[in-house]
Full PDB file with SEQRES, HELIX, SHEET, SSBOND, CRYST1, ORIGX, SCALE, CONECT and MASTER records, all heavy atoms in Angstrom:
SEQRES   1 A   33  ARG SER LYS VAL GLU VAL ALA ILE LEU TRP ASN GLN PRO          
SEQRES   2 A   33  LYS GLY THR ILE SER SER PHE PRO ASN LEU LYS PHE ILE          
SEQRES   3 A   33  CYS SER PHE GLY ALA GLY VAL                                  
HELIX    1 AA1 ILE A   17  SER A   19  5                                   3    
SHEET    1 AA1 2 VAL A   6  LEU A   9  0                                        
SHEET    2 AA1 2 PHE A  25  SER A  28  1                                        
CRYST1    1.000    1.000    1.000  90.00  90.00  90.00 P 1           1          
ORIGX1      1.000000  0.000000  0.000000        0.00000                         
ORIGX2      0.000000  1.000000  0.000000        0.00000                         
ORIGX3      0.000000  0.000000  1.000000        0.00000                         
SCALE1      1.000000  0.000000  0.000000        0.00000                         
SCALE2      0.000000  1.000000  0.000000        0.00000                         
SCALE3      0.000000  0.000000  1.000000        0.00000                         
ATOM      1  N   ARG A   1      10.489 -13.662   7.608  1.00  0.00           N  
ATOM      2  CA  ARG A   1      10.844 -12.508   6.911  1.00  0.00           C  
ATOM      3  C   ARG A   1      12.273 -12.170   6.920  1.00  0.00           C  
ATOM      4  O   ARG A   1      12.761 -11.425   5.948  1.00  0.00           O  
ATOM      5  CB  ARG A   1      10.049 -11.375   7.328  1.00  0.00           C  
ATOM      6  CG  ARG A   1       8.573 -11.681   7.114  1.00  0.00           C  
ATOM      7  CD  ARG A   1       7.584 -10.593   7.513  1.00  0.00           C  
ATOM      8  NE  ARG A   1       6.295 -11.058   7.384  1.00  0.00           N  
ATOM      9  CZ  ARG A   1       5.204 -10.403   7.445  1.00  0.00           C  
ATOM     10  NH1 ARG A   1       5.294  -9.005   7.584  1.00  0.00           N  
ATOM     11  NH2 ARG A   1       3.983 -10.840   7.354  1.00  0.00           N  
ATOM     12  N   SER A   2      12.979 -12.544   7.935  1.00  0.00           N  
ATOM     13  CA  SER A   2      14.472 -12.222   7.966  1.00  0.00           C  
ATOM     14  C   SER A   2      15.174 -12.996   7.045  1.00  0.00           C  
ATOM     15  O   SER A   2      16.341 -12.553   6.748  1.00  0.00           O  
ATOM     16  CB  SER A   2      14.936 -12.491   9.467  1.00  0.00           C  
ATOM     17  OG  SER A   2      15.001 -13.809   9.756  1.00  0.00           O  
ATOM     18  N   LYS A   3      14.690 -14.196   6.466  1.00  0.00           N  
ATOM     19  CA  LYS A   3      15.498 -15.004   5.523  1.00  0.00           C  
ATOM     20  C   LYS A   3      15.242 -14.555   4.011  1.00  0.00           C  
ATOM     21  O   LYS A   3      15.822 -15.003   3.151  1.00  0.00           O  
ATOM     22  CB  LYS A   3      15.159 -16.360   5.727  1.00  0.00           C  
ATOM     23  CG  LYS A   3      15.721 -16.938   7.080  1.00  0.00           C  
ATOM     24  CD  LYS A   3      15.402 -18.435   7.293  1.00  0.00           C  
ATOM     25  CE  LYS A   3      16.051 -18.962   8.489  1.00  0.00           C  
ATOM     26  NZ  LYS A   3      15.786 -20.388   8.663  1.00  0.00           N  
ATOM     27  N   VAL A   4      14.187 -13.869   3.879  1.00  0.00           N  
ATOM     28  CA  VAL A   4      13.678 -13.580   2.540  1.00  0.00           C  
ATOM     29  C   VAL A   4      14.660 -12.436   1.960  1.00  0.00           C  
ATOM     30  O   VAL A   4      14.724 -11.384   2.453  1.00  0.00           O  
ATOM     31  CB  VAL A   4      12.253 -12.940   2.466  1.00  0.00           C  
ATOM     32  CG1 VAL A   4      11.815 -12.434   1.115  1.00  0.00           C  
ATOM     33  CG2 VAL A   4      11.184 -14.177   2.916  1.00  0.00           C  
ATOM     34  N   GLU A   5      15.166 -12.817   0.835  1.00  0.00           N  
ATOM     35  CA  GLU A   5      16.039 -11.849   0.039  1.00  0.00           C  
ATOM     36  C   GLU A   5      15.515 -11.478  -1.304  1.00  0.00           C  
ATOM     37  O   GLU A   5      15.820 -10.426  -1.878  1.00  0.00           O  
ATOM     38  CB  GLU A   5      17.506 -12.402  -0.112  1.00  0.00           C  
ATOM     39  CG  GLU A   5      18.171 -12.611   1.182  1.00  0.00           C  
ATOM     40  CD  GLU A   5      19.572 -13.086   0.945  1.00  0.00           C  
ATOM     41  OE1 GLU A   5      19.975 -13.365  -0.157  1.00  0.00           O  
ATOM     42  OE2 GLU A   5      20.243 -13.236   2.065  1.00  0.00           O  
ATOM     43  N   VAL A   6      14.572 -12.296  -1.805  1.00  0.00           N  
ATOM     44  CA  VAL A   6      13.884 -12.079  -3.056  1.00  0.00           C  
ATOM     45  C   VAL A   6      12.343 -11.993  -2.891  1.00  0.00           C  
ATOM     46  O   VAL A   6      11.888 -12.938  -2.350  1.00  0.00           O  
ATOM     47  CB  VAL A   6      14.331 -13.165  -4.093  1.00  0.00           C  
ATOM     48  CG1 VAL A   6      13.480 -12.874  -5.411  1.00  0.00           C  
ATOM     49  CG2 VAL A   6      15.807 -13.193  -4.369  1.00  0.00           C  
ATOM     50  N   ALA A   7      11.712 -11.039  -3.527  1.00  0.00           N  
ATOM     51  CA  ALA A   7      10.275 -10.939  -3.398  1.00  0.00           C  
ATOM     52  C   ALA A   7       9.659 -10.847  -4.879  1.00  0.00           C  
ATOM     53  O   ALA A   7      10.184  -9.962  -5.611  1.00  0.00           O  
ATOM     54  CB  ALA A   7       9.830  -9.802  -2.556  1.00  0.00           C  
ATOM     55  N   ILE A   8       8.735 -11.700  -5.158  1.00  0.00           N  
ATOM     56  CA  ILE A   8       7.982 -11.666  -6.352  1.00  0.00           C  
ATOM     57  C   ILE A   8       6.689 -11.212  -6.121  1.00  0.00           C  
ATOM     58  O   ILE A   8       5.988 -11.865  -5.213  1.00  0.00           O  
ATOM     59  CB  ILE A   8       8.103 -13.076  -7.146  1.00  0.00           C  
ATOM     60  CG1 ILE A   8       9.439 -13.564  -7.394  1.00  0.00           C  
ATOM     61  CG2 ILE A   8       7.264 -12.985  -8.403  1.00  0.00           C  
ATOM     62  CD1 ILE A   8       9.632 -14.943  -7.840  1.00  0.00           C  
ATOM     63  N   LEU A   9       6.317 -10.064  -6.543  1.00  0.00           N  
ATOM     64  CA  LEU A   9       5.094  -9.337  -6.020  1.00  0.00           C  
ATOM     65  C   LEU A   9       4.138  -9.008  -7.254  1.00  0.00           C  
ATOM     66  O   LEU A   9       4.519  -8.753  -8.347  1.00  0.00           O  
ATOM     67  CB  LEU A   9       5.579  -8.040  -5.442  1.00  0.00           C  
ATOM     68  CG  LEU A   9       6.566  -8.091  -4.290  1.00  0.00           C  
ATOM     69  CD1 LEU A   9       6.927  -6.589  -3.830  1.00  0.00           C  
ATOM     70  CD2 LEU A   9       6.116  -8.764  -3.134  1.00  0.00           C  
ATOM     71  N   TRP A  10       2.852  -9.026  -6.802  1.00  0.00           N  
ATOM     72  CA  TRP A  10       1.735  -8.515  -7.700  1.00  0.00           C  
ATOM     73  C   TRP A  10       0.720  -8.042  -6.754  1.00  0.00           C  
ATOM     74  O   TRP A  10       0.070  -8.801  -6.111  1.00  0.00           O  
ATOM     75  CB  TRP A  10       1.264  -9.632  -8.607  1.00  0.00           C  
ATOM     76  CG  TRP A  10       0.366  -8.986  -9.588  1.00  0.00           C  
ATOM     77  CD1 TRP A  10      -1.067  -9.204  -9.569  1.00  0.00           C  
ATOM     78  CD2 TRP A  10       0.566  -8.042 -10.590  1.00  0.00           C  
ATOM     79  NE1 TRP A  10      -1.757  -8.439 -10.508  1.00  0.00           N  
ATOM     80  CE2 TRP A  10      -0.691  -7.751 -11.202  1.00  0.00           C  
ATOM     81  CE3 TRP A  10       1.652  -7.405 -11.070  1.00  0.00           C  
ATOM     82  CZ2 TRP A  10      -0.873  -6.978 -12.272  1.00  0.00           C  
ATOM     83  CZ3 TRP A  10       1.520  -6.564 -12.231  1.00  0.00           C  
ATOM     84  CH2 TRP A  10       0.258  -6.323 -12.744  1.00  0.00           C  
ATOM     85  N   ASN A  11       0.361  -6.696  -6.851  1.00  0.00           N  
ATOM     86  CA  ASN A  11      -0.624  -6.112  -5.962  1.00  0.00           C  
ATOM     87  C   ASN A  11      -0.606  -6.497  -4.531  1.00  0.00           C  
ATOM     88  O   ASN A  11      -1.610  -6.897  -3.898  1.00  0.00           O  
ATOM     89  CB  ASN A  11      -2.098  -6.385  -6.576  1.00  0.00           C  
ATOM     90  CG  ASN A  11      -2.187  -5.792  -7.855  1.00  0.00           C  
ATOM     91  OD1 ASN A  11      -1.732  -4.689  -8.128  1.00  0.00           O  
ATOM     92  ND2 ASN A  11      -3.033  -6.279  -8.741  1.00  0.00           N  
ATOM     93  N   GLN A  12       0.583  -6.431  -4.021  1.00  0.00           N  
ATOM     94  CA  GLN A  12       0.886  -6.781  -2.644  1.00  0.00           C  
ATOM     95  C   GLN A  12       0.253  -5.801  -1.685  1.00  0.00           C  
ATOM     96  O   GLN A  12       0.044  -4.723  -1.984  1.00  0.00           O  
ATOM     97  CB  GLN A  12       2.506  -6.929  -2.356  1.00  0.00           C  
ATOM     98  CG  GLN A  12       3.276  -5.590  -2.281  1.00  0.00           C  
ATOM     99  CD  GLN A  12       3.377  -4.892  -3.587  1.00  0.00           C  
ATOM    100  OE1 GLN A  12       3.076  -5.388  -4.612  1.00  0.00           O  
ATOM    101  NE2 GLN A  12       3.898  -3.669  -3.483  1.00  0.00           N  
ATOM    102  N   PRO A  13      -0.059  -6.170  -0.416  1.00  0.00           N  
ATOM    103  CA  PRO A  13      -0.588  -5.283   0.558  1.00  0.00           C  
ATOM    104  C   PRO A  13       0.420  -4.231   0.799  1.00  0.00           C  
ATOM    105  O   PRO A  13       1.645  -4.393   0.843  1.00  0.00           O  
ATOM    106  CB  PRO A  13      -0.777  -6.141   1.745  1.00  0.00           C  
ATOM    107  CG  PRO A  13      -0.902  -7.524   1.291  1.00  0.00           C  
ATOM    108  CD  PRO A  13      -0.039  -7.580   0.125  1.00  0.00           C  
ATOM    109  N   LYS A  14      -0.055  -2.795   0.914  1.00  0.00           N  
ATOM    110  CA  LYS A  14       0.867  -1.811   1.103  1.00  0.00           C  
ATOM    111  C   LYS A  14       1.615  -2.081   2.407  1.00  0.00           C  
ATOM    112  O   LYS A  14       1.058  -2.690   3.377  1.00  0.00           O  
ATOM    113  CB  LYS A  14       0.021  -0.549   1.401  1.00  0.00           C  
ATOM    114  CG  LYS A  14      -0.613  -0.094   0.096  1.00  0.00           C  
ATOM    115  CD  LYS A  14      -0.618   1.355  -0.082  1.00  0.00           C  
ATOM    116  CE  LYS A  14      -1.482   1.733  -1.435  1.00  0.00           C  
ATOM    117  NZ  LYS A  14      -0.919   1.296  -2.577  1.00  0.00           N  
ATOM    118  N   GLY A  15       2.861  -1.867   2.445  1.00  0.00           N  
ATOM    119  CA  GLY A  15       3.801  -1.999   3.631  1.00  0.00           C  
ATOM    120  C   GLY A  15       4.507  -3.421   3.552  1.00  0.00           C  
ATOM    121  O   GLY A  15       5.200  -3.605   4.458  1.00  0.00           O  
ATOM    122  N   THR A  16       4.200  -4.185   2.644  1.00  0.00           N  
ATOM    123  CA  THR A  16       4.825  -5.513   2.636  1.00  0.00           C  
ATOM    124  C   THR A  16       6.201  -5.411   2.331  1.00  0.00           C  
ATOM    125  O   THR A  16       6.997  -6.177   2.984  1.00  0.00           O  
ATOM    126  CB  THR A  16       4.283  -6.273   1.345  1.00  0.00           C  
ATOM    127  OG1 THR A  16       2.681  -6.513   1.694  1.00  0.00           O  
ATOM    128  CG2 THR A  16       4.837  -7.739   1.211  1.00  0.00           C  
ATOM    129  N   ILE A  17       6.681  -4.449   1.397  1.00  0.00           N  
ATOM    130  CA  ILE A  17       8.118  -4.448   1.182  1.00  0.00           C  
ATOM    131  C   ILE A  17       8.955  -4.095   2.434  1.00  0.00           C  
ATOM    132  O   ILE A  17      10.029  -4.832   2.680  1.00  0.00           O  
ATOM    133  CB  ILE A  17       8.340  -3.339   0.083  1.00  0.00           C  
ATOM    134  CG1 ILE A  17       7.660  -3.757  -1.224  1.00  0.00           C  
ATOM    135  CG2 ILE A  17       9.806  -3.193  -0.091  1.00  0.00           C  
ATOM    136  CD1 ILE A  17       7.581  -2.703  -2.341  1.00  0.00           C  
ATOM    137  N   SER A  18       8.565  -3.204   3.262  1.00  0.00           N  
ATOM    138  CA  SER A  18       9.396  -2.868   4.368  1.00  0.00           C  
ATOM    139  C   SER A  18       9.291  -3.991   5.537  1.00  0.00           C  
ATOM    140  O   SER A  18      10.135  -3.904   6.371  1.00  0.00           O  
ATOM    141  CB  SER A  18       8.807  -1.501   4.940  1.00  0.00           C  
ATOM    142  OG  SER A  18       7.439  -1.680   5.465  1.00  0.00           O  
ATOM    143  N   SER A  19       8.439  -4.964   5.281  1.00  0.00           N  
ATOM    144  CA  SER A  19       8.365  -5.945   6.386  1.00  0.00           C  
ATOM    145  C   SER A  19       9.442  -7.113   6.213  1.00  0.00           C  
ATOM    146  O   SER A  19       9.582  -7.968   6.989  1.00  0.00           O  
ATOM    147  CB  SER A  19       7.024  -6.680   6.392  1.00  0.00           C  
ATOM    148  OG  SER A  19       6.727  -7.473   5.197  1.00  0.00           O  
ATOM    149  N   PHE A  20      10.202  -6.938   5.051  1.00  0.00           N  
ATOM    150  CA  PHE A  20      11.396  -7.930   4.784  1.00  0.00           C  
ATOM    151  C   PHE A  20      12.656  -7.140   4.966  1.00  0.00           C  
ATOM    152  O   PHE A  20      13.102  -6.486   4.028  1.00  0.00           O  
ATOM    153  CB  PHE A  20      11.329  -8.423   3.371  1.00  0.00           C  
ATOM    154  CG  PHE A  20      10.028  -9.321   3.127  1.00  0.00           C  
ATOM    155  CD1 PHE A  20       8.833  -8.840   2.437  1.00  0.00           C  
ATOM    156  CD2 PHE A  20       9.988 -10.579   3.674  1.00  0.00           C  
ATOM    157  CE1 PHE A  20       7.717  -9.506   2.316  1.00  0.00           C  
ATOM    158  CE2 PHE A  20       8.873 -11.255   3.470  1.00  0.00           C  
ATOM    159  CZ  PHE A  20       7.672 -10.863   2.698  1.00  0.00           C  
ATOM    160  N   PRO A  21      13.303  -7.271   6.155  1.00  0.00           N  
ATOM    161  CA  PRO A  21      14.558  -6.416   6.410  1.00  0.00           C  
ATOM    162  C   PRO A  21      15.744  -6.764   5.559  1.00  0.00           C  
ATOM    163  O   PRO A  21      16.582  -5.907   5.547  1.00  0.00           O  
ATOM    164  CB  PRO A  21      14.734  -6.798   7.825  1.00  0.00           C  
ATOM    165  CG  PRO A  21      14.193  -8.116   8.097  1.00  0.00           C  
ATOM    166  CD  PRO A  21      12.958  -8.213   7.190  1.00  0.00           C  
ATOM    167  N   ASN A  22      15.845  -7.932   5.006  1.00  0.00           N  
ATOM    168  CA  ASN A  22      16.906  -8.296   4.196  1.00  0.00           C  
ATOM    169  C   ASN A  22      16.740  -8.457   2.743  1.00  0.00           C  
ATOM    170  O   ASN A  22      17.391  -9.140   2.015  1.00  0.00           O  
ATOM    171  CB  ASN A  22      17.599  -9.633   4.821  1.00  0.00           C  
ATOM    172  CG  ASN A  22      18.035  -9.471   6.217  1.00  0.00           C  
ATOM    173  OD1 ASN A  22      18.715  -8.468   6.487  1.00  0.00           O  
ATOM    174  ND2 ASN A  22      17.708 -10.332   7.064  1.00  0.00           N  
ATOM    175  N   LEU A  23      15.623  -7.762   2.244  1.00  0.00           N  
ATOM    176  CA  LEU A  23      15.309  -7.776   0.867  1.00  0.00           C  
ATOM    177  C   LEU A  23      16.374  -7.302  -0.088  1.00  0.00           C  
ATOM    178  O   LEU A  23      16.841  -6.131   0.204  1.00  0.00           O  
ATOM    179  CB  LEU A  23      14.000  -7.138   0.674  1.00  0.00           C  
ATOM    180  CG  LEU A  23      13.193  -7.436  -0.631  1.00  0.00           C  
ATOM    181  CD1 LEU A  23      12.840  -8.891  -0.669  1.00  0.00           C  
ATOM    182  CD2 LEU A  23      11.908  -6.600  -0.554  1.00  0.00           C  
ATOM    183  N   LYS A  24      16.826  -7.990  -1.093  1.00  0.00           N  
ATOM    184  CA  LYS A  24      17.847  -7.578  -1.946  1.00  0.00           C  
ATOM    185  C   LYS A  24      17.235  -7.356  -3.368  1.00  0.00           C  
ATOM    186  O   LYS A  24      17.945  -6.731  -4.152  1.00  0.00           O  
ATOM    187  CB  LYS A  24      19.014  -8.479  -2.023  1.00  0.00           C  
ATOM    188  CG  LYS A  24      19.698  -8.580  -0.661  1.00  0.00           C  
ATOM    189  CD  LYS A  24      20.859  -9.525  -0.659  1.00  0.00           C  
ATOM    190  CE  LYS A  24      21.487  -9.462   0.756  1.00  0.00           C  
ATOM    191  NZ  LYS A  24      22.371 -10.540   1.026  1.00  0.00           N  
ATOM    192  N   PHE A  25      16.247  -8.022  -3.710  1.00  0.00           N  
ATOM    193  CA  PHE A  25      15.706  -8.011  -5.111  1.00  0.00           C  
ATOM    194  C   PHE A  25      14.152  -8.068  -5.143  1.00  0.00           C  
ATOM    195  O   PHE A  25      13.477  -8.840  -4.366  1.00  0.00           O  
ATOM    196  CB  PHE A  25      16.323  -9.247  -5.858  1.00  0.00           C  
ATOM    197  CG  PHE A  25      15.965  -9.304  -7.229  1.00  0.00           C  
ATOM    198  CD1 PHE A  25      16.575  -8.596  -8.259  1.00  0.00           C  
ATOM    199  CD2 PHE A  25      14.854 -10.156  -7.719  1.00  0.00           C  
ATOM    200  CE1 PHE A  25      16.144  -8.613  -9.596  1.00  0.00           C  
ATOM    201  CE2 PHE A  25      14.524 -10.244  -9.070  1.00  0.00           C  
ATOM    202  CZ  PHE A  25      15.163  -9.440  -9.967  1.00  0.00           C  
ATOM    203  N   ILE A  26      13.551  -7.217  -5.884  1.00  0.00           N  
ATOM    204  CA  ILE A  26      12.103  -7.373  -6.151  1.00  0.00           C  
ATOM    205  C   ILE A  26      11.775  -7.407  -7.548  1.00  0.00           C  
ATOM    206  O   ILE A  26      12.279  -6.865  -8.396  1.00  0.00           O  
ATOM    207  CB  ILE A  26      11.550  -5.938  -5.646  1.00  0.00           C  
ATOM    208  CG1 ILE A  26      11.874  -5.683  -4.153  1.00  0.00           C  
ATOM    209  CG2 ILE A  26      10.016  -5.939  -5.913  1.00  0.00           C  
ATOM    210  CD1 ILE A  26      11.391  -4.258  -3.685  1.00  0.00           C  
ATOM    211  N   CYS A  27      10.813  -8.276  -7.830  1.00  0.00           N  
ATOM    212  CA  CYS A  27      10.474  -8.601  -9.172  1.00  0.00           C  
ATOM    213  C   CYS A  27       8.929  -8.539  -9.295  1.00  0.00           C  
ATOM    214  O   CYS A  27       8.197  -8.991  -8.379  1.00  0.00           O  
ATOM    215  CB  CYS A  27      10.851  -9.977  -9.576  1.00  0.00           C  
ATOM    216  SG  CYS A  27      10.487 -10.531 -11.240  1.00  0.00           S  
ATOM    217  N   SER A  28       8.446  -7.904 -10.304  1.00  0.00           N  
ATOM    218  CA  SER A  28       6.995  -7.847 -10.483  1.00  0.00           C  
ATOM    219  C   SER A  28       6.609  -9.183 -11.220  1.00  0.00           C  
ATOM    220  O   SER A  28       7.188  -9.609 -12.109  1.00  0.00           O  
ATOM    221  CB  SER A  28       6.702  -6.660 -11.408  1.00  0.00           C  
ATOM    222  OG  SER A  28       5.271  -6.552 -11.736  1.00  0.00           O  
ATOM    223  N   PHE A  29       5.510  -9.711 -10.691  1.00  0.00           N  
ATOM    224  CA  PHE A  29       4.863 -10.869 -11.240  1.00  0.00           C  
ATOM    225  C   PHE A  29       4.204 -10.710 -12.629  1.00  0.00           C  
ATOM    226  O   PHE A  29       4.185 -11.561 -13.380  1.00  0.00           O  
ATOM    227  CB  PHE A  29       3.922 -11.543 -10.287  1.00  0.00           C  
ATOM    228  CG  PHE A  29       3.373 -12.813 -10.685  1.00  0.00           C  
ATOM    229  CD1 PHE A  29       4.109 -13.983 -10.524  1.00  0.00           C  
ATOM    230  CD2 PHE A  29       2.124 -13.021 -11.262  1.00  0.00           C  
ATOM    231  CE1 PHE A  29       3.730 -15.345 -10.867  1.00  0.00           C  
ATOM    232  CE2 PHE A  29       1.671 -14.272 -11.544  1.00  0.00           C  
ATOM    233  CZ  PHE A  29       2.351 -15.380 -11.473  1.00  0.00           C  
ATOM    234  N   GLY A  30       3.848  -9.485 -12.885  1.00  0.00           N  
ATOM    235  CA  GLY A  30       3.202  -9.105 -14.145  1.00  0.00           C  
ATOM    236  C   GLY A  30       3.729  -7.909 -14.684  1.00  0.00           C  
ATOM    237  O   GLY A  30       4.790  -7.389 -14.267  1.00  0.00           O  
ATOM    238  N   ALA A  31       3.105  -7.476 -15.795  1.00  0.00           N  
ATOM    239  CA  ALA A  31       3.659  -6.278 -16.517  1.00  0.00           C  
ATOM    240  C   ALA A  31       3.410  -5.053 -15.602  1.00  0.00           C  
ATOM    241  O   ALA A  31       2.372  -4.864 -15.052  1.00  0.00           O  
ATOM    242  CB  ALA A  31       3.000  -6.130 -17.857  1.00  0.00           C  
ATOM    243  N   GLY A  32       4.332  -4.107 -15.582  1.00  0.00           N  
ATOM    244  CA  GLY A  32       4.091  -2.836 -14.826  1.00  0.00           C  
ATOM    245  C   GLY A  32       4.826  -3.084 -13.389  1.00  0.00           C  
ATOM    246  O   GLY A  32       4.820  -4.135 -12.882  1.00  0.00           O  
ATOM    247  N   VAL A  33       5.178  -1.997 -12.849  1.00  0.00           N  
ATOM    248  CA  VAL A  33       5.748  -1.886 -11.487  1.00  0.00           C  
ATOM    249  C   VAL A  33       5.077  -0.884 -10.627  1.00  0.00           C  
ATOM    250  O   VAL A  33       5.592  -0.640  -9.512  1.00  0.00           O  
ATOM    251  CB  VAL A  33       7.274  -1.666 -11.696  1.00  0.00           C  
ATOM    252  CG1 VAL A  33       7.950  -2.758 -12.232  1.00  0.00           C  
ATOM    253  CG2 VAL A  33       7.562  -0.349 -12.234  1.00  0.00           C  
TER     254      VAL A  33                                                      
MASTER        0    0    0    1    2    0    0    6  253    1    0    3          
END                                                                             
């Protein structure tokens, strides 16, 4: 998780975003955010 800078997400488990300390970009896999 420390190496992940980009996350492509769709209905991810709650709390997933905060588990990536170096996240710089989030993209939705489908329509809607």
